[in-house]
Amino acid sequence: TSGYALWFDLNLPDYASALGVWITGILPGWLMRISTWLIILFELAALPLIMGPIRPSFFRLIAYIFFFGLHLGIIISMDIGLFPLIMLLFLSILLDRNQIDRLIQRIPLLRHVVA
């Protein structure tokens, strides 16, 4: 790949949000290429992070943080329906019960949703 996949996706009028189009207008091409390669790296790292036998709770939390940010970026920059919202919900399976409890304690809005 040339590294321009993100740039091409954000320039498709059917998928890019107004913010996504704006982002492609202000970010230099080299930064878009680095972003594309980082996304590919995150996706390749997903399996070892999620399935690794060493400190699984810690590495699943790392995967959760990476992919939460990725899908949040998709929500902000692309109009592709419910996919990124559904993925954010499914990402919660990467967290163990203690991590979920700590997350609920730190984010007041979640306390009302779960209660």
Protein backbone atom coordinates (compact mmCIF):
# COMPACT_ATOMS: atom_id res chain seq x y z
CA THR A 1 0.00 0.00 0.00
CA SER A 2 1.10 3.56 -0.62
CA GLY A 3 -0.12 4.69 2.78
CA TYR A 4 -2.86 6.88 1.40
CA ALA A 5 -5.82 4.66 2.32
CA LEU A 6 -7.01 6.99 5.07
CA TRP A 7 -6.71 10.00 2.78
CA PHE A 8 -8.74 8.23 0.07
CA ASP A 9 -11.43 7.12 2.55
CA LEU A 10 -11.83 10.63 3.92
CA ASN A 11 -12.19 12.02 0.41
CA LEU A 12 -15.08 9.75 -0.57
CA PRO A 13 -18.18 11.95 -0.46
CA ASP A 14 -20.42 9.02 0.51
CA TYR A 15 -18.43 8.20 3.63
CA ALA A 16 -16.54 11.23 4.92
CA SER A 17 -18.15 13.55 7.43
CA ALA A 18 -17.66 17.30 7.15
CA LEU A 19 -15.01 17.06 9.86
CA GLY A 20 -13.28 14.25 7.96
CA VAL A 21 -13.11 16.36 4.81
CA TRP A 22 -11.79 19.28 6.87
CA ILE A 23 -9.12 17.04 8.43
CA THR A 24 -7.86 15.94 5.01
CA GLY A 25 -7.65 19.59 4.00
CA ILE A 26 -5.42 20.65 6.90
CA LEU A 27 -3.25 17.59 7.57
CA PRO A 28 -0.18 17.16 5.38
CA GLY A 29 0.08 14.05 3.22
CA TRP A 30 2.96 12.60 5.23
CA LEU A 31 0.85 12.69 8.42
CA MET A 32 -2.05 10.95 6.66
CA ARG A 33 0.38 8.25 5.49
CA ILE A 34 1.72 7.77 9.03
CA SER A 35 -1.86 7.54 10.31
CA THR A 36 -2.67 4.89 7.72
CA TRP A 37 0.36 2.81 8.71
CA LEU A 38 -0.45 3.19 12.44
CA ILE A 39 -3.96 1.89 11.82
CA ILE A 40 -2.53 -1.10 9.97
CA LEU A 41 -0.06 -1.67 12.81
CA PHE A 42 -2.88 -1.55 15.40
CA GLU A 43 -4.90 -4.05 13.41
CA LEU A 44 -1.93 -6.42 13.09
CA ALA A 45 -1.20 -6.11 16.81
CA ALA A 46 -4.80 -6.92 17.76
CA LEU A 47 -4.49 -10.71 17.75
CA PRO A 48 -1.32 -10.91 19.87
CA LEU A 49 -2.65 -8.28 22.28
CA ILE A 50 -6.00 -9.98 22.72
CA MET A 51 -4.94 -13.64 22.64
CA GLY A 52 -1.50 -13.44 24.25
CA PRO A 53 -0.95 -15.66 27.31
CA ILE A 54 1.25 -13.19 29.21
CA ARG A 55 -0.63 -10.63 31.36
CA PRO A 56 -3.82 -10.95 29.30
CA SER A 57 -5.77 -8.43 31.35
CA PHE A 58 -3.14 -5.71 30.81
CA PHE A 59 -2.67 -6.33 27.09
CA ARG A 60 -6.41 -6.53 26.46
CA LEU A 61 -6.72 -3.14 28.14
CA ILE A 62 -4.06 -1.80 25.75
CA ALA A 63 -6.02 -3.24 22.81
CA TYR A 64 -9.21 -1.70 24.20
CA ILE A 65 -7.60 1.74 24.41
CA PHE A 66 -6.16 1.50 20.88
CA PHE A 67 -9.38 0.37 19.28
CA PHE A 68 -11.60 2.67 21.31
CA GLY A 69 -9.55 5.57 19.93
CA LEU A 70 -9.68 4.13 16.42
CA HIS A 71 -13.46 3.78 16.42
CA LEU A 72 -13.91 7.15 18.07
CA GLY A 73 -11.88 8.59 15.19
CA ILE A 74 -14.14 6.78 12.74
CA ILE A 75 -17.23 8.23 14.44
CA ILE A 76 -15.79 11.73 14.21
CA SER A 77 -14.47 11.57 10.67
CA MET A 78 -16.79 9.23 8.76
CA ASP A 79 -20.50 8.75 8.23
CA ILE A 80 -20.80 4.98 8.01
CA GLY A 81 -23.87 4.31 10.08
CA LEU A 82 -23.91 2.37 13.32
CA PHE A 83 -20.76 0.30 12.71
CA PRO A 84 -18.37 2.31 14.92
CA LEU A 85 -20.94 2.59 17.74
CA ILE A 86 -21.57 -1.16 17.68
CA MET A 87 -17.82 -1.80 17.66
CA LEU A 88 -17.40 0.43 20.72
CA LEU A 89 -19.94 -1.73 22.53
CA PHE A 90 -18.29 -4.96 21.45
CA LEU A 91 -14.89 -3.72 22.61
CA SER A 92 -16.10 -4.02 26.19
CA ILE A 93 -15.60 -7.81 25.97
CA LEU A 94 -11.86 -7.11 26.13
CA LEU A 95 -12.17 -5.81 29.69
CA ASP A 96 -12.36 -7.95 32.80
CA ARG A 97 -14.88 -7.27 35.56
CA ASN A 98 -12.47 -5.21 37.71
CA GLN A 99 -11.58 -2.94 34.80
CA ILE A 100 -15.26 -2.39 34.01
CA ASP A 101 -15.99 -1.56 37.66
CA ARG A 102 -13.13 0.97 37.74
CA LEU A 103 -14.34 2.51 34.49
CA ILE A 104 -17.85 2.90 35.91
CA GLN A 105 -16.45 4.55 39.06
CA ARG A 106 -14.35 7.05 37.06
CA ILE A 107 -17.05 8.09 34.59
CA PRO A 108 -20.14 9.44 36.40
CA LEU A 109 -22.38 9.11 33.35
CA LEU A 110 -21.75 5.35 33.28
CA ARG A 111 -22.93 5.03 36.89
CA HIS A 112 -26.39 6.23 35.84
CA VAL A 113 -26.50 4.03 32.76
CA VAL A 114 -25.53 0.86 34.64
CA ALA A 115 -27.65 1.49 37.73
